[in-house]
Amino acid sequence: MKQILRLFAAVLGSTLYMMSQVPPPSHCAASSSEIVAAYTSREIEPDAAHPASDWQTATPVVFCSDWQGKNPDSSQETQVRILWSPRTLYLRFQCRYRELHVFADSDPNGRRDHLWDRDVAEAFLQPDPSRERYYKEFEVSPNGMWIDLEIFPGGLADLKSGLRRSVVLDEKFHTWAAELALPMKALTLHFDPNSVWRANFYRVEGTKEPRTYMAWQPTGTPEPNFHVPAAFGKLRFAPAAQP
């Protein structure tokens, strides 16, 4: 019985912590151009509804402005946290939304082509900034559908990363959260935690133009365009804890 109570207290404490980290709406437009992935010594199973205590060590970046860095809207705020282990990169999105627009159909495993035509949270990751036009794209929707892509000059291809994901939706409070576990081997052949990656994060809402396009680091294009690697921010990896 004591073990059950301790487990309940740990889960409750972690959940309350994550809730407490949602900043007041008036603060959502302020954000750094750098995100730091916190180290975790263990492998985590994605569980958006019951975030692992490890997430407490990850400082979020927050955004709610459009792709040009204008028109902030706290009702569409996004927080992003990152954790890393030698084997896995973990992403957690916490999102506020105004209206919900999702696909009703997908592949049996949840993959959905053209997922960006509905509401999504997106991560663009570039492990090797010297190859400016090469990066990875990951998307997840409020109802758990996903897509992963390899982006290169002149095209794209399915990445087949082997990602795992968990999503929780609260329609009463107009929020949703998603956790992604991305195998490090699908991102880079030789992971070096001392390296500095480039990255950007985005949200899309709506089905018909004008849709809402939001970005962590503004791309500055006249029309909505997320594929601007020159505008990516920096992704650093916190040092691993010493034994």
Protein backbone atom coordinates (compact mmCIF):
# COMPACT_ATOMS: atom_id res chain seq x y z
CA MET A 1 0.00 0.00 0.00
CA LYS A 2 2.85 2.39 0.86
CA GLN A 3 4.47 1.69 -2.52
CA ILE A 4 1.21 2.55 -4.30
CA LEU A 5 0.89 5.78 -2.32
CA ARG A 6 4.49 6.73 -3.11
CA LEU A 7 3.94 6.02 -6.80
CA PHE A 8 0.74 8.09 -6.80
CA ALA A 9 2.52 10.96 -5.06
CA ALA A 10 5.37 10.88 -7.58
CA VAL A 11 3.02 10.91 -10.56
CA LEU A 12 0.88 13.65 -9.02
CA GLY A 13 3.93 15.72 -8.16
CA SER A 14 5.33 15.43 -11.68
CA THR A 15 1.99 16.34 -13.25
CA LEU A 16 1.53 19.33 -10.95
CA TYR A 17 5.05 20.46 -11.73
CA MET A 18 4.42 20.42 -15.48
CA MET A 19 1.17 22.32 -14.97
CA SER A 20 2.94 24.91 -12.85
CA GLN A 21 5.49 25.49 -15.60
CA VAL A 22 2.86 26.93 -17.97
CA PRO A 23 3.69 30.65 -17.88
CA PRO A 24 1.06 33.37 -17.69
CA PRO A 25 -0.35 34.11 -21.16
CA SER A 26 1.23 37.58 -21.22
CA HIS A 27 4.70 35.98 -21.12
CA CYS A 28 4.30 33.59 -24.04
CA ALA A 29 5.86 35.84 -26.69
CA ALA A 30 9.24 36.01 -24.93
CA SER A 31 11.67 33.22 -25.75
CA SER A 32 15.35 32.45 -26.18
CA SER A 33 16.97 31.60 -29.52
CA GLU A 34 18.56 28.57 -27.86
CA ILE A 35 17.09 25.43 -26.35
CA VAL A 36 19.02 23.08 -24.08
CA ALA A 37 18.29 19.35 -23.97
CA ALA A 38 18.51 18.10 -20.39
CA TYR A 39 20.31 14.79 -19.80
CA THR A 40 18.50 11.67 -18.60
CA SER A 41 20.37 8.56 -17.58
CA ARG A 42 17.48 6.25 -18.36
CA GLU A 43 15.18 5.42 -21.24
CA ILE A 44 11.69 6.89 -20.88
CA GLU A 45 8.43 5.57 -22.26
CA PRO A 46 6.43 8.51 -23.69
CA ASP A 47 3.40 9.23 -21.51
CA ALA A 48 1.96 12.67 -22.22
CA ALA A 49 -0.71 12.41 -19.55
CA HIS A 50 1.77 11.41 -16.83
CA PRO A 51 5.11 13.07 -17.62
CA ALA A 52 8.19 11.45 -16.14
CA SER A 53 9.95 13.34 -13.36
CA ASP A 54 12.94 13.77 -15.72
CA TRP A 55 11.03 16.51 -17.54
CA GLN A 56 11.40 18.70 -14.45
CA THR A 57 15.05 19.26 -15.42
CA ALA A 58 14.23 20.50 -18.94
CA THR A 59 13.74 24.25 -19.29
CA PRO A 60 11.07 25.02 -21.91
CA VAL A 61 11.11 27.47 -24.76
CA VAL A 62 7.78 29.20 -25.33
CA PHE A 63 6.19 30.81 -28.36
CA CYS A 64 2.79 32.04 -29.52
CA SER A 65 3.60 34.46 -32.36
CA ASP A 66 3.24 33.81 -36.07
CA TRP A 67 6.00 32.79 -38.48
CA GLN A 68 7.01 36.45 -38.84
CA GLY A 69 7.26 36.94 -35.08
CA LYS A 70 4.07 39.02 -35.05
CA ASN A 71 0.51 38.78 -33.70
CA PRO A 72 1.14 36.92 -30.43
CA ASP A 73 -1.89 34.99 -29.19
CA SER A 74 -1.69 33.41 -25.75
CA SER A 75 -4.62 31.11 -26.55
CA GLN A 76 -2.33 29.28 -29.02
CA GLU A 77 0.80 29.10 -26.88
CA THR A 78 3.32 26.29 -27.31
CA GLN A 79 5.98 25.06 -24.89
CA VAL A 80 8.77 22.73 -26.01
CA ARG A 81 11.08 20.71 -23.76
CA ILE A 82 13.87 18.33 -24.78
CA LEU A 83 15.65 15.48 -23.00
CA TRP A 84 18.51 13.37 -24.29
CA SER A 85 20.10 10.04 -23.55
CA PRO A 86 22.84 8.39 -25.62
CA ARG A 87 20.15 6.36 -27.39
CA THR A 88 17.15 8.71 -27.61
CA LEU A 89 16.11 12.32 -28.07
CA TYR A 90 12.83 13.14 -26.33
CA LEU A 91 10.52 16.04 -27.22
CA ARG A 92 7.54 17.28 -25.25
CA PHE A 93 5.05 19.78 -26.68
CA GLN A 94 2.46 21.48 -24.46
CA CYS A 95 -0.08 23.38 -26.54
CA ARG A 96 -3.04 25.67 -26.09
CA TYR A 97 -5.51 25.82 -28.96
CA ARG A 98 -8.53 27.85 -30.01
CA GLU A 99 -10.24 25.32 -32.28
CA LEU A 100 -9.49 21.71 -33.15
CA HIS A 101 -8.96 20.44 -36.70
CA VAL A 102 -7.68 16.88 -37.11
CA PHE A 103 -7.81 14.06 -39.63
CA ALA A 104 -10.07 11.12 -38.85
CA ASP A 105 -8.02 8.56 -40.77
CA SER A 106 -4.42 7.38 -40.84
CA ASP A 107 -2.28 4.33 -41.50
CA PRO A 108 -2.74 1.56 -38.90
CA ASN A 109 0.40 2.75 -37.09
CA GLY A 110 -0.87 6.34 -36.91
CA ARG A 111 1.26 7.73 -39.73
CA ARG A 112 -0.58 10.26 -41.91
CA ASP A 113 0.59 11.80 -45.19
CA HIS A 114 0.09 15.57 -45.45
CA LEU A 115 -0.49 15.78 -41.72
CA TRP A 116 0.42 19.48 -41.95
CA ASP A 117 -2.92 20.14 -43.63
CA ARG A 118 -4.53 19.98 -40.17
CA ASP A 119 -3.45 20.99 -36.65
CA VAL A 120 0.08 19.90 -35.78
CA ALA A 121 3.14 20.61 -33.68
CA GLU A 122 6.37 20.31 -35.63
CA ALA A 123 10.08 19.94 -34.90
CA PHE A 124 12.77 20.50 -37.51
CA LEU A 125 16.14 19.11 -36.34
CA GLN A 126 19.49 19.63 -38.06
CA PRO A 127 22.29 17.58 -36.44
CA ASP A 128 24.88 18.83 -38.96
CA PRO A 129 24.50 22.59 -39.52
CA SER A 130 27.22 22.52 -42.20
CA ARG A 131 24.69 20.79 -44.47
CA GLU A 132 22.22 23.65 -44.42
CA ARG A 133 19.55 22.15 -46.67
CA TYR A 134 19.52 18.75 -44.92
CA TYR A 135 17.41 18.21 -41.80
CA LYS A 136 14.72 16.00 -40.22
CA GLU A 137 11.06 16.93 -39.84
CA PHE A 138 8.74 15.46 -37.20
CA GLU A 139 5.05 16.26 -36.81
CA VAL A 140 2.40 15.14 -34.34
CA SER A 141 -1.30 16.00 -34.18
CA PRO A 142 -3.64 16.51 -31.20
CA ASN A 143 -5.16 13.07 -31.82
CA GLY A 144 -1.83 11.25 -32.00
CA MET A 145 -1.14 10.97 -35.72
CA TRP A 146 2.43 11.55 -36.87
CA ILE A 147 4.82 11.81 -39.78
CA ASP A 148 8.63 11.85 -39.98
CA LEU A 149 10.55 13.09 -43.01
CA GLU A 150 14.07 13.48 -44.33
CA ILE A 151 14.41 16.90 -45.99
CA PHE A 152 17.09 17.50 -48.64
CA PRO A 153 17.62 19.86 -51.59
CA GLY A 154 14.79 19.44 -54.04
CA GLY A 155 12.69 16.97 -52.12
CA LEU A 156 11.81 14.86 -49.13
CA ALA A 157 11.53 11.19 -48.18
CA ASP A 158 10.04 9.10 -45.40
CA LEU A 159 12.56 8.94 -42.57
CA LYS A 160 11.22 5.74 -40.98
CA SER A 161 12.83 6.78 -37.72
CA GLY A 162 11.04 4.34 -35.45
CA LEU A 163 9.69 7.15 -33.28
CA ARG A 164 7.37 6.46 -30.38
CA ARG A 165 4.76 8.94 -29.25
CA SER A 166 2.05 9.67 -26.69
CA VAL A 167 -0.61 12.38 -26.87
CA VAL A 168 -3.23 13.62 -24.42
CA LEU A 169 -6.04 16.02 -25.35
CA ASP A 170 -8.17 18.05 -22.95
CA GLU A 171 -11.01 19.59 -24.95
CA LYS A 172 -12.52 21.20 -21.84
CA PHE A 173 -9.45 23.37 -21.24
CA HIS A 174 -8.39 23.57 -24.91
CA THR A 175 -4.97 22.04 -24.33
CA TRP A 176 -3.04 19.09 -25.67
CA ALA A 177 0.39 17.63 -25.03
CA ALA A 178 2.59 15.25 -26.98
CA GLU A 179 5.77 13.37 -26.19
CA LEU A 180 8.02 11.95 -28.91
CA ALA A 181 10.90 9.51 -28.44
CA LEU A 182 13.27 9.72 -31.42
CA PRO A 183 16.02 7.09 -31.78
CA MET A 184 19.34 8.93 -31.90
CA LYS A 185 20.59 6.62 -34.68
CA ALA A 186 17.81 7.96 -36.94
CA LEU A 187 19.06 11.51 -36.36
CA THR A 188 22.82 11.12 -36.64
CA LEU A 189 25.29 8.29 -37.24
CA HIS A 190 27.71 9.48 -34.55
CA PHE A 191 26.08 11.44 -31.76
CA ASP A 192 28.38 13.90 -30.00
CA PRO A 193 26.76 15.66 -27.01
CA ASN A 194 29.33 18.44 -27.32
CA SER A 195 28.03 19.37 -30.75
CA VAL A 196 25.54 22.18 -31.35
CA TRP A 197 22.59 21.32 -33.56
CA ARG A 198 20.17 23.68 -35.23
CA ALA A 199 16.42 23.38 -34.69
CA ASN A 200 13.09 25.10 -34.99
CA PHE A 201 9.60 24.36 -33.70
CA TYR A 202 6.23 25.24 -35.19
CA ARG A 203 2.48 24.98 -34.77
CA VAL A 204 -0.27 25.03 -37.37
CA GLU A 205 -4.01 25.37 -36.75
CA GLY A 206 -6.91 25.43 -39.19
CA THR A 207 -8.01 23.77 -42.42
CA LYS A 208 -8.62 26.69 -44.77
CA GLU A 209 -6.61 29.84 -45.38
CA PRO A 210 -5.97 32.02 -43.58
CA ARG A 211 -4.64 29.34 -41.25
CA THR A 212 -2.54 30.05 -38.17
CA TYR A 213 1.20 29.41 -38.60
CA MET A 214 3.37 29.89 -35.50
CA ALA A 215 7.14 29.58 -35.07
CA TRP A 216 9.63 29.53 -32.22
CA GLN A 217 12.25 31.28 -34.37
CA PRO A 218 10.53 33.51 -36.96
CA THR A 219 11.34 32.64 -40.56
CA GLY A 220 10.56 36.18 -41.78
CA THR A 221 9.17 35.09 -45.13
CA PRO A 222 6.37 37.10 -46.81
CA GLU A 223 4.15 34.01 -46.92
CA PRO A 224 4.10 31.17 -44.37
CA ASN A 225 7.18 29.01 -44.87
CA PHE A 226 8.81 26.86 -42.22
CA HIS A 227 11.57 25.51 -44.46
CA VAL A 228 14.08 28.26 -43.76
CA PRO A 229 17.06 26.57 -42.06
CA ALA A 230 18.96 29.87 -41.90
CA ALA A 231 16.39 30.96 -39.28
CA PHE A 232 16.79 27.89 -37.05
CA GLY A 233 17.79 28.37 -33.43
CA LYS A 234 20.50 26.46 -31.55
CA LEU A 235 20.06 23.13 -29.78
CA ARG A 236 22.66 22.36 -27.12
CA PHE A 237 23.00 19.26 -24.94
CA ALA A 238 23.47 19.61 -21.20
CA PRO A 239 26.41 17.59 -19.85
CA ALA A 240 25.70 14.08 -18.68
CA ALA A 241 25.61 13.68 -14.92
CA GLN A 242 28.82 12.27 -13.48
CA PRO A 243 28.53 8.91 -11.67
